[in-house]
Structure formats: C-alpha cells, structure tokens
PDB file of N, CA and C in Angstrom:
ATOM      1  N   UNK A   1      11.758  10.079   9.510  1.00  0.00           N
ATOM      2  CA  UNK A   1      11.656   8.634   9.462  1.00  0.00           C
ATOM      3  C   UNK A   1      12.526   8.091   8.339  1.00  0.00           C
ATOM      4  N   UNK A   2      13.097   6.932   8.562  1.00  0.00           N
ATOM      5  CA  UNK A   2      13.871   6.304   7.508  1.00  0.00           C
ATOM      6  C   UNK A   2      12.938   5.600   6.521  1.00  0.00           C
ATOM      7  N   UNK A   3      13.503   5.052   5.468  1.00  0.00           N
ATOM      8  CA  UNK A   3      12.689   4.470   4.393  1.00  0.00           C
ATOM      9  C   UNK A   3      11.889   3.266   4.873  1.00  0.00           C
ATOM     10  N   UNK A   4      12.481   2.426   5.715  1.00  0.00           N
ATOM     11  CA  UNK A   4      11.772   1.236   6.191  1.00  0.00           C
ATOM     12  C   UNK A   4      10.568   1.623   7.043  1.00  0.00           C
ATOM     13  N   UNK A   5      10.767   2.547   7.968  1.00  0.00           N
ATOM     14  CA  UNK A   5       9.668   2.988   8.832  1.00  0.00           C
ATOM     15  C   UNK A   5       8.580   3.665   8.019  1.00  0.00           C
ATOM     16  N   UNK A   6       8.962   4.473   7.064  1.00  0.00           N
ATOM     17  CA  UNK A   6       7.984   5.151   6.214  1.00  0.00           C
ATOM     18  C   UNK A   6       7.160   4.142   5.425  1.00  0.00           C
ATOM     19  N   UNK A   7       7.802   3.104   4.893  1.00  0.00           N
ATOM     20  CA  UNK A   7       7.084   2.074   4.142  1.00  0.00           C
ATOM     21  C   UNK A   7       6.096   1.323   5.011  1.00  0.00           C
ATOM     22  N   UNK A   8       6.492   1.001   6.242  1.00  0.00           N
ATOM     23  CA  UNK A   8       5.605   0.278   7.150  1.00  0.00           C
ATOM     24  C   UNK A   8       4.428   1.156   7.559  1.00  0.00           C
ATOM     25  N   UNK A   9       4.684   2.407   7.915  1.00  0.00           N
ATOM     26  CA  UNK A   9       3.624   3.326   8.352  1.00  0.00           C
ATOM     27  C   UNK A   9       2.622   3.575   7.229  1.00  0.00           C
ATOM     28  N   UNK A  10       3.092   3.581   5.993  1.00  0.00           N
ATOM     29  CA  UNK A  10       2.192   3.827   4.857  1.00  0.00           C
ATOM     30  C   UNK A  10       1.118   2.764   4.749  1.00  0.00           C
ATOM     31  N   UNK A  11       1.423   1.530   5.142  1.00  0.00           N
ATOM     32  CA  UNK A  11       0.454   0.447   5.024  1.00  0.00           C
ATOM     33  C   UNK A  11      -0.523   0.384   6.194  1.00  0.00           C
ATOM     34  N   UNK A  12      -0.204   1.005   7.319  1.00  0.00           N
ATOM     35  CA  UNK A  12      -0.987   0.804   8.532  1.00  0.00           C
ATOM     36  C   UNK A  12      -2.408   1.354   8.411  1.00  0.00           C
ATOM     37  N   UNK A  13      -2.586   2.633   8.184  1.00  0.00           N
ATOM     38  CA  UNK A  13      -3.920   3.230   8.040  1.00  0.00           C
ATOM     39  C   UNK A  13      -3.859   4.334   7.000  1.00  0.00           C
ATOM     40  N   UNK A  14      -5.001   4.928   6.713  1.00  0.00           N
ATOM     41  CA  UNK A  14      -5.024   6.081   5.806  1.00  0.00           C
ATOM     42  C   UNK A  14      -4.249   7.241   6.412  1.00  0.00           C
ATOM     43  N   UNK A  15      -4.363   7.429   7.721  1.00  0.00           N
ATOM     44  CA  UNK A  15      -3.612   8.498   8.390  1.00  0.00           C
ATOM     45  C   UNK A  15      -2.114   8.214   8.289  1.00  0.00           C
ATOM     46  N   UNK A  16      -1.735   6.930   8.428  1.00  0.00           N
ATOM     47  CA  UNK A  16      -0.336   6.556   8.268  1.00  0.00           C
ATOM     48  C   UNK A  16       0.168   6.834   6.863  1.00  0.00           C
ATOM     49  N   UNK A  17      -0.679   6.624   5.874  1.00  0.00           N
ATOM     50  CA  UNK A  17      -0.313   6.925   4.486  1.00  0.00           C
ATOM     51  C   UNK A  17      -0.078   8.420   4.309  1.00  0.00           C
ATOM     52  N   UNK A  18      -0.937   9.232   4.887  1.00  0.00           N
ATOM     53  CA  UNK A  18      -0.772  10.688   4.799  1.00  0.00           C
ATOM     54  C   UNK A  18       0.502  11.129   5.515  1.00  0.00           C
ATOM     55  N   UNK A  19       0.767  10.553   6.689  1.00  0.00           N
ATOM     56  CA  UNK A  19       1.993  10.880   7.421  1.00  0.00           C
ATOM     57  C   UNK A  19       3.220  10.478   6.603  1.00  0.00           C
ATOM     58  N   UNK A  20       3.168   9.313   5.972  1.00  0.00           N
ATOM     59  CA  UNK A  20       4.289   8.856   5.151  1.00  0.00           C
ATOM     60  C   UNK A  20       4.512   9.783   3.954  1.00  0.00           C
ATOM     61  N   UNK A  21       3.427  10.295   3.390  1.00  0.00           N
ATOM     62  CA  UNK A  21       3.564  11.231   2.267  1.00  0.00           C
ATOM     63  C   UNK A  21       4.174  12.553   2.698  1.00  0.00           C
ATOM     64  N   UNK A  22       3.810  13.023   3.887  1.00  0.00           N
ATOM     65  CA  UNK A  22       4.237  14.344   4.341  1.00  0.00           C
ATOM     66  C   UNK A  22       5.586  14.314   5.051  1.00  0.00           C
ATOM     67  N   UNK A  23       5.749  13.404   6.021  1.00  0.00           N
ATOM     68  CA  UNK A  23       6.918  13.462   6.896  1.00  0.00           C
ATOM     69  C   UNK A  23       7.948  12.385   6.628  1.00  0.00           C
ATOM     70  N   UNK A  24       7.658  11.446   5.772  1.00  0.00           N
ATOM     71  CA  UNK A  24       8.553  10.312   5.589  1.00  0.00           C
ATOM     72  C   UNK A  24       9.647  10.552   4.569  1.00  0.00           C
ATOM     73  N   UNK A  25      10.495   9.564   4.435  1.00  0.00           N
ATOM     74  CA  UNK A  25      11.563   9.569   3.447  1.00  0.00           C
ATOM     75  C   UNK A  25      10.940   9.305   2.082  1.00  0.00           C
ATOM     76  N   UNK A  26      10.683  10.361   1.343  1.00  0.00           N
ATOM     77  CA  UNK A  26       9.929  10.233   0.092  1.00  0.00           C
ATOM     78  C   UNK A  26      10.685   9.442  -0.978  1.00  0.00           C
ATOM     79  N   UNK A  27      11.997   9.628  -1.048  1.00  0.00           N
ATOM     80  CA  UNK A  27      12.754   8.936  -2.087  1.00  0.00           C
ATOM     81  C   UNK A  27      12.920   7.458  -1.779  1.00  0.00           C
ATOM     82  N   UNK A  28      13.246   7.133  -0.539  1.00  0.00           N
ATOM     83  CA  UNK A  28      13.501   5.751  -0.178  1.00  0.00           C
ATOM     84  C   UNK A  28      12.259   4.886  -0.119  1.00  0.00           C
ATOM     85  N   UNK A  29      11.133   5.465   0.251  1.00  0.00           N
ATOM     86  CA  UNK A  29       9.906   4.679   0.444  1.00  0.00           C
ATOM     87  C   UNK A  29       8.849   4.975  -0.614  1.00  0.00           C
ATOM     88  N   UNK A  30       9.223   5.601  -1.695  1.00  0.00           N
ATOM     89  CA  UNK A  30       8.258   5.966  -2.736  1.00  0.00           C
ATOM     90  C   UNK A  30       7.510   4.740  -3.249  1.00  0.00           C
ATOM     91  N   UNK A  31       8.207   3.632  -3.410  1.00  0.00           N
ATOM     92  CA  UNK A  31       7.581   2.415  -3.916  1.00  0.00           C
ATOM     93  C   UNK A  31       6.466   1.955  -2.986  1.00  0.00           C
ATOM     94  N   UNK A  32       6.737   1.878  -1.686  1.00  0.00           N
ATOM     95  CA  UNK A  32       5.747   1.365  -0.745  1.00  0.00           C
ATOM     96  C   UNK A  32       4.610   2.362  -0.503  1.00  0.00           C
ATOM     97  N   UNK A  33       4.912   3.646  -0.544  1.00  0.00           N
ATOM     98  CA  UNK A  33       3.842   4.645  -0.421  1.00  0.00           C
ATOM     99  C   UNK A  33       2.906   4.539  -1.617  1.00  0.00           C
ATOM    100  N   UNK A  34       3.461   4.341  -2.802  1.00  0.00           N
ATOM    101  CA  UNK A  34       2.646   4.174  -4.005  1.00  0.00           C
ATOM    102  C   UNK A  34       1.804   2.901  -3.916  1.00  0.00           C
ATOM    103  N   UNK A  35       2.406   1.796  -3.479  1.00  0.00           N
ATOM    104  CA  UNK A  35       1.679   0.535  -3.362  1.00  0.00           C
ATOM    105  C   UNK A  35       0.528   0.664  -2.359  1.00  0.00           C
ATOM    106  N   UNK A  36       0.797   1.305  -1.217  1.00  0.00           N
ATOM    107  CA  UNK A  36      -0.235   1.477  -0.190  1.00  0.00           C
ATOM    108  C   UNK A  36      -1.381   2.335  -0.716  1.00  0.00           C
ATOM    109  N   UNK A  37      -1.061   3.375  -1.481  1.00  0.00           N
ATOM    110  CA  UNK A  37      -2.094   4.235  -2.050  1.00  0.00           C
ATOM    111  C   UNK A  37      -2.940   3.476  -3.062  1.00  0.00           C
ATOM    112  N   UNK A  38      -2.323   2.681  -3.905  1.00  0.00           N
ATOM    113  CA  UNK A  38      -3.057   1.881  -4.897  1.00  0.00           C
ATOM    114  C   UNK A  38      -3.954   0.857  -4.198  1.00  0.00           C
ATOM    115  N   UNK A  39      -3.437   0.203  -3.161  1.00  0.00           N
ATOM    116  CA  UNK A  39      -4.236  -0.772  -2.415  1.00  0.00           C
ATOM    117  C   UNK A  39      -5.426  -0.084  -1.763  1.00  0.00           C
ATOM    118  N   UNK A  40      -5.213   1.097  -1.188  1.00  0.00           N
ATOM    119  CA  UNK A  40      -6.319   1.828  -0.556  1.00  0.00           C
ATOM    120  C   UNK A  40      -7.381   2.209  -1.580  1.00  0.00           C
ATOM    121  N   UNK A  41      -6.955   2.754  -2.710  1.00  0.00           N
ATOM    122  CA  UNK A  41      -7.919   3.199  -3.722  1.00  0.00           C
ATOM    123  C   UNK A  41      -8.699   2.025  -4.320  1.00  0.00           C
ATOM    124  N   UNK A  42      -8.029   0.921  -4.589  1.00  0.00           N
ATOM    125  CA  UNK A  42      -8.739  -0.245  -5.116  1.00  0.00           C
ATOM    126  C   UNK A  42      -9.595  -0.909  -4.047  1.00  0.00           C
ATOM    127  N   UNK A  43      -9.243  -0.707  -2.779  1.00  0.00           N
ATOM    128  CA  UNK A  43     -10.068  -1.217  -1.693  1.00  0.00           C
ATOM    129  C   UNK A  43     -11.424  -0.544  -1.625  1.00  0.00           C
ATOM    130  N   UNK A  44     -11.512   0.665  -2.160  1.00  0.00           N
ATOM    131  CA  UNK A  44     -12.792   1.369  -2.189  1.00  0.00           C
ATOM    132  C   UNK A  44     -13.814   0.660  -3.066  1.00  0.00           C
ATOM    133  N   UNK A  45     -13.353  -0.202  -3.961  1.00  0.00           N
ATOM    134  CA  UNK A  45     -14.267  -0.972  -4.807  1.00  0.00           C
ATOM    135  C   UNK A  45     -14.969  -2.078  -4.020  1.00  0.00           C
ATOM    136  N   UNK A  46     -14.606  -2.254  -2.773  1.00  0.00           N
ATOM    137  CA  UNK A  46     -15.208  -3.283  -1.945  1.00  0.00           C
ATOM    138  C   UNK A  46     -16.649  -3.009  -1.573  1.00  0.00           C
ATOM    139  N   UNK A  47     -17.164  -1.843  -1.882  1.00  0.00           N
ATOM    140  CA  UNK A  47     -18.555  -1.516  -1.562  1.00  0.00           C
ATOM    141  C   UNK A  47     -19.535  -2.121  -2.567  1.00  0.00           C
ATOM    142  N   UNK A  48     -19.024  -2.697  -3.640  1.00  0.00           N
ATOM    143  CA  UNK A  48     -19.883  -3.333  -4.634  1.00  0.00           C
ATOM    144  C   UNK A  48     -20.485  -4.599  -4.009  1.00  0.00           C
ATOM    145  N   UNK A  49     -21.785  -4.767  -4.049  1.00  0.00           N
ATOM    146  CA  UNK A  49     -22.394  -5.951  -3.434  1.00  0.00           C
ATOM    147  C   UNK A  49     -21.887  -7.257  -4.051  1.00  0.00           C
ATOM    148  N   UNK A  50     -21.782  -8.276  -3.248  1.00  0.00           N
ATOM    149  CA  UNK A  50     -21.380  -9.644  -3.610  1.00  0.00           C
ATOM    150  C   UNK A  50     -19.934  -9.722  -4.107  1.00  0.00           C
ATOM    151  N   UNK A  51     -19.636  -9.129  -5.223  1.00  0.00           N
ATOM    152  CA  UNK A  51     -18.286  -9.183  -5.778  1.00  0.00           C
ATOM    153  C   UNK A  51     -17.311  -8.417  -4.885  1.00  0.00           C
ATOM    154  N   UNK A  52     -17.796  -7.378  -4.232  1.00  0.00           N
ATOM    155  CA  UNK A  52     -16.947  -6.565  -3.369  1.00  0.00           C
ATOM    156  C   UNK A  52     -16.383  -7.332  -2.198  1.00  0.00           C
ATOM    157  N   UNK A  53     -17.102  -8.308  -1.705  1.00  0.00           N
ATOM    158  CA  UNK A  53     -16.604  -9.095  -0.574  1.00  0.00           C
ATOM    159  C   UNK A  53     -15.420  -9.961  -0.995  1.00  0.00           C
ATOM    160  N   UNK A  54     -15.509 -10.553  -2.156  1.00  0.00           N
ATOM    161  CA  UNK A  54     -14.389 -11.335  -2.686  1.00  0.00           C
ATOM    162  C   UNK A  54     -13.213 -10.415  -2.995  1.00  0.00           C
ATOM    163  N   UNK A  55     -13.510  -9.260  -3.540  1.00  0.00           N
ATOM    164  CA  UNK A  55     -12.478  -8.279  -3.863  1.00  0.00           C
ATOM    165  C   UNK A  55     -11.749  -7.818  -2.603  1.00  0.00           C
ATOM    166  N   UNK A  56     -12.482  -7.633  -1.497  1.00  0.00           N
ATOM    167  CA  UNK A  56     -11.864  -7.178  -0.255  1.00  0.00           C
ATOM    168  C   UNK A  56     -10.936  -8.240   0.325  1.00  0.00           C
ATOM    169  N   UNK A  57     -11.243  -9.505   0.112  1.00  0.00           N
ATOM    170  CA  UNK A  57     -10.327 -10.566   0.544  1.00  0.00           C
ATOM    171  C   UNK A  57      -9.026 -10.464  -0.248  1.00  0.00           C
ATOM    172  N   UNK A  58      -9.146 -10.236  -1.556  1.00  0.00           N
ATOM    173  CA  UNK A  58      -7.958 -10.060  -2.399  1.00  0.00           C
ATOM    174  C   UNK A  58      -7.154  -8.840  -1.961  1.00  0.00           C
ATOM    175  N   UNK A  59      -7.829  -7.736  -1.679  1.00  0.00           N
ATOM    176  CA  UNK A  59      -7.148  -6.508  -1.246  1.00  0.00           C
ATOM    177  C   UNK A  59      -6.456  -6.733   0.096  1.00  0.00           C
ATOM    178  N   UNK A  60      -7.096  -7.473   1.003  1.00  0.00           N
ATOM    179  CA  UNK A  60      -6.484  -7.764   2.292  1.00  0.00           C
ATOM    180  C   UNK A  60      -5.201  -8.581   2.114  1.00  0.00           C
ATOM    181  N   UNK A  61      -5.229  -9.568   1.218  1.00  0.00           N
ATOM    182  CA  UNK A  61      -4.039 -10.367   0.943  1.00  0.00           C
ATOM    183  C   UNK A  61      -2.941  -9.485   0.341  1.00  0.00           C
ATOM    184  N   UNK A  62      -3.309  -8.586  -0.559  1.00  0.00           N
ATOM    185  CA  UNK A  62      -2.336  -7.653  -1.136  1.00  0.00           C
ATOM    186  C   UNK A  62      -1.734  -6.752  -0.061  1.00  0.00           C
ATOM    187  N   UNK A  63      -2.577  -6.303   0.860  1.00  0.00           N
ATOM    188  CA  UNK A  63      -2.116  -5.444   1.949  1.00  0.00           C
ATOM    189  C   UNK A  63      -1.091  -6.179   2.815  1.00  0.00           C
ATOM    190  N   UNK A  64      -1.378  -7.431   3.158  1.00  0.00           N
ATOM    191  CA  UNK A  64      -0.454  -8.239   3.956  1.00  0.00           C
ATOM    192  C   UNK A  64       0.863  -8.444   3.199  1.00  0.00           C
ATOM    193  N   UNK A  65       0.779  -8.742   1.916  1.00  0.00           N
ATOM    194  CA  UNK A  65       1.984  -8.942   1.115  1.00  0.00           C
ATOM    195  C   UNK A  65       2.826  -7.671   1.041  1.00  0.00           C
ATOM    196  N   UNK A  66       2.166  -6.526   0.864  1.00  0.00           N
ATOM    197  CA  UNK A  66       2.888  -5.261   0.821  1.00  0.00           C
ATOM    198  C   UNK A  66       3.534  -4.921   2.151  1.00  0.00           C
ATOM    199  N   UNK A  67       2.829  -5.172   3.245  1.00  0.00           N
ATOM    200  CA  UNK A  67       3.370  -4.896   4.573  1.00  0.00           C
ATOM    201  C   UNK A  67       4.580  -5.775   4.865  1.00  0.00           C
ATOM    202  N   UNK A  68       4.502  -7.042   4.509  1.00  0.00           N
ATOM    203  CA  UNK A  68       5.641  -7.944   4.714  1.00  0.00           C
ATOM    204  C   UNK A  68       6.829  -7.511   3.858  1.00  0.00           C
ATOM    205  N   UNK A  69       6.579  -7.084   2.629  1.00  0.00           N
ATOM    206  CA  UNK A  69       7.662  -6.606   1.768  1.00  0.00           C
ATOM    207  C   UNK A  69       8.292  -5.341   2.345  1.00  0.00           C
ATOM    208  N   UNK A  70       7.501  -4.459   2.930  1.00  0.00           N
ATOM    209  CA  UNK A  70       8.048  -3.248   3.535  1.00  0.00           C
ATOM    210  C   UNK A  70       8.880  -3.582   4.774  1.00  0.00           C
ATOM    211  N   UNK A  71       8.435  -4.553   5.555  1.00  0.00           N
ATOM    212  CA  UNK A  71       9.192  -4.961   6.740  1.00  0.00           C
ATOM    213  C   UNK A  71      10.534  -5.564   6.336  1.00  0.00           C
ATOM    214  N   UNK A  72      10.544  -6.350   5.266  1.00  0.00           N
ATOM    215  CA  UNK A  72      11.774  -6.981   4.786  1.00  0.00           C
ATOM    216  C   UNK A  72      12.599  -6.079   3.877  1.00  0.00           C
ATOM    217  N   UNK A  73      12.154  -4.850   3.660  1.00  0.00           N
ATOM    218  CA  UNK A  73      12.812  -3.862   2.797  1.00  0.00           C
ATOM    219  C   UNK A  73      12.983  -4.374   1.369  1.00  0.00           C
ATOM    220  N   UNK A  74      11.958  -5.047   0.841  1.00  0.00           N
ATOM    221  CA  UNK A  74      11.949  -5.516  -0.538  1.00  0.00           C
ATOM    222  C   UNK A  74      10.979  -4.665  -1.344  1.00  0.00           C
ATOM    223  N   UNK A  75      11.207  -4.567  -2.628  1.00  0.00           N
ATOM    224  CA  UNK A  75      10.303  -3.832  -3.511  1.00  0.00           C
ATOM    225  C   UNK A  75       9.620  -4.817  -4.452  1.00  0.00           C
ATOM    226  N   UNK A  76       8.731  -5.629  -3.886  1.00  0.00           N
ATOM    227  CA  UNK A  76       7.975  -6.596  -4.669  1.00  0.00           C
ATOM    228  C   UNK A  76       6.567  -6.052  -4.873  1.00  0.00           C
ATOM    229  N   UNK A  77       6.147  -5.863  -6.122  1.00  0.00           N
ATOM    230  CA  UNK A  77       4.784  -5.368  -6.349  1.00  0.00           C
ATOM    231  C   UNK A  77       3.739  -6.419  -6.003  1.00  0.00           C
ATOM    232  N   UNK A  78       2.600  -5.955  -5.537  1.00  0.00           N
ATOM    233  CA  UNK A  78       1.503  -6.869  -5.209  1.00  0.00           C
ATOM    234  C   UNK A  78       0.886  -7.375  -6.515  1.00  0.00           C
ATOM    235  N   UNK A  79       0.237  -8.544  -6.483  1.00  0.00           N
ATOM    236  CA  UNK A  79      -0.331  -9.096  -7.714  1.00  0.00           C
ATOM    237  C   UNK A  79      -1.461  -8.239  -8.294  1.00  0.00           C
ATOM    238  N   UNK A  80      -1.578  -8.244  -9.562  1.00  0.00           N
ATOM    239  CA  UNK A  80      -2.656  -7.648 -10.351  1.00  0.00           C
ATOM    240  C   UNK A  80      -2.649  -6.124 -10.347  1.00  0.00           C
ATOM    241  N   UNK A  81      -2.533  -5.471  -9.211  1.00  0.00           N
ATOM    242  CA  UNK A  81      -2.615  -4.010  -9.155  1.00  0.00           C
ATOM    243  C   UNK A  81      -1.263  -3.372  -8.832  1.00  0.00           C
ATOM    244  N   UNK A  82      -0.229  -4.162  -8.640  1.00  0.00           N
ATOM    245  CA  UNK A  82       1.064  -3.646  -8.229  1.00  0.00           C
ATOM    246  C   UNK A  82       1.807  -2.852  -9.297  1.00  0.00           C
ATOM    247  N   UNK A  83       1.453  -3.012 -10.534  1.00  0.00           N
ATOM    248  CA  UNK A  83       2.152  -2.307 -11.609  1.00  0.00           C
ATOM    249  C   UNK A  83       1.658  -0.887 -11.837  1.00  0.00           C
ATOM    250  N   UNK A  84       0.654  -0.477 -11.119  1.00  0.00           N
ATOM    251  CA  UNK A  84       0.093   0.862 -11.303  1.00  0.00           C
ATOM    252  C   UNK A  84       0.927   1.864 -10.508  1.00  0.00           C
ATOM    253  N   UNK A  85       1.349   2.931 -11.166  1.00  0.00           N
ATOM    254  CA  UNK A  85       2.158   3.957 -10.512  1.00  0.00           C
ATOM    255  C   UNK A  85       1.375   5.253 -10.451  1.00  0.00           C
ATOM    256  N   UNK A  86       1.124   5.723  -9.243  1.00  0.00           N
ATOM    257  CA  UNK A  86       0.417   6.991  -9.043  1.00  0.00           C
ATOM    258  C   UNK A  86       1.372   8.102  -8.586  1.00  0.00           C
ATOM    259  N   UNK A  87       2.413   7.733  -7.868  1.00  0.00           N
ATOM    260  CA  UNK A  87       3.387   8.696  -7.353  1.00  0.00           C
ATOM    261  C   UNK A  87       4.687   8.475  -8.092  1.00  0.00           C
ATOM    262  N   UNK A  88       5.178   9.528  -8.744  1.00  0.00           N
ATOM    263  CA  UNK A  88       6.428   9.394  -9.509  1.00  0.00           C
ATOM    264  C   UNK A  88       7.574  10.003  -8.779  1.00  0.00           C
TER     265      UNK A  88
END
C-alpha cells in the first residue's frame, strides 16, 4: 500500500490500524498511523461515566479531522492529543 492508503486504512478500524502497521508504507504513513493509535488509546477513556460521553464526542471529532487530513495527504496533528508520539 502507498502512504495515502495506509494513512486512510489506519483510521478506519482497529484491524485497519494493525494492517497499516504490518503491511503498509511505514515511512510514508508513520504520522497518520501514530495519530490513529493515539486517538484509539485515548478513546478508551470514554468508558468513564458522564465525562466519558463528552470525551467520546471530542475523540470522534479528532478521528474525523485525522481521516480528512489523511485523505488530503496533510500532516496536521489533531487538537490536544496530536503532539503525542508513540511510534518513532
């Protein structure tokens, strides 16, 4: 897969993220794979009662922003959690 396809697949589902990590263009899409992983991990905080529902709305907006950036082949970090780097 090329970098654009890998970035888009990383945002789709957890399985897509795993596929992007294993079979995708690791160098070209590293930014979007990292962003998708951070969004997924912070999305796990949505299980917190009351506050988690508001948090999940924020995570959903971040997910949409990341997906649009991957489609447009831009490297724009998502707000608040976009500066976290897990994959180097």
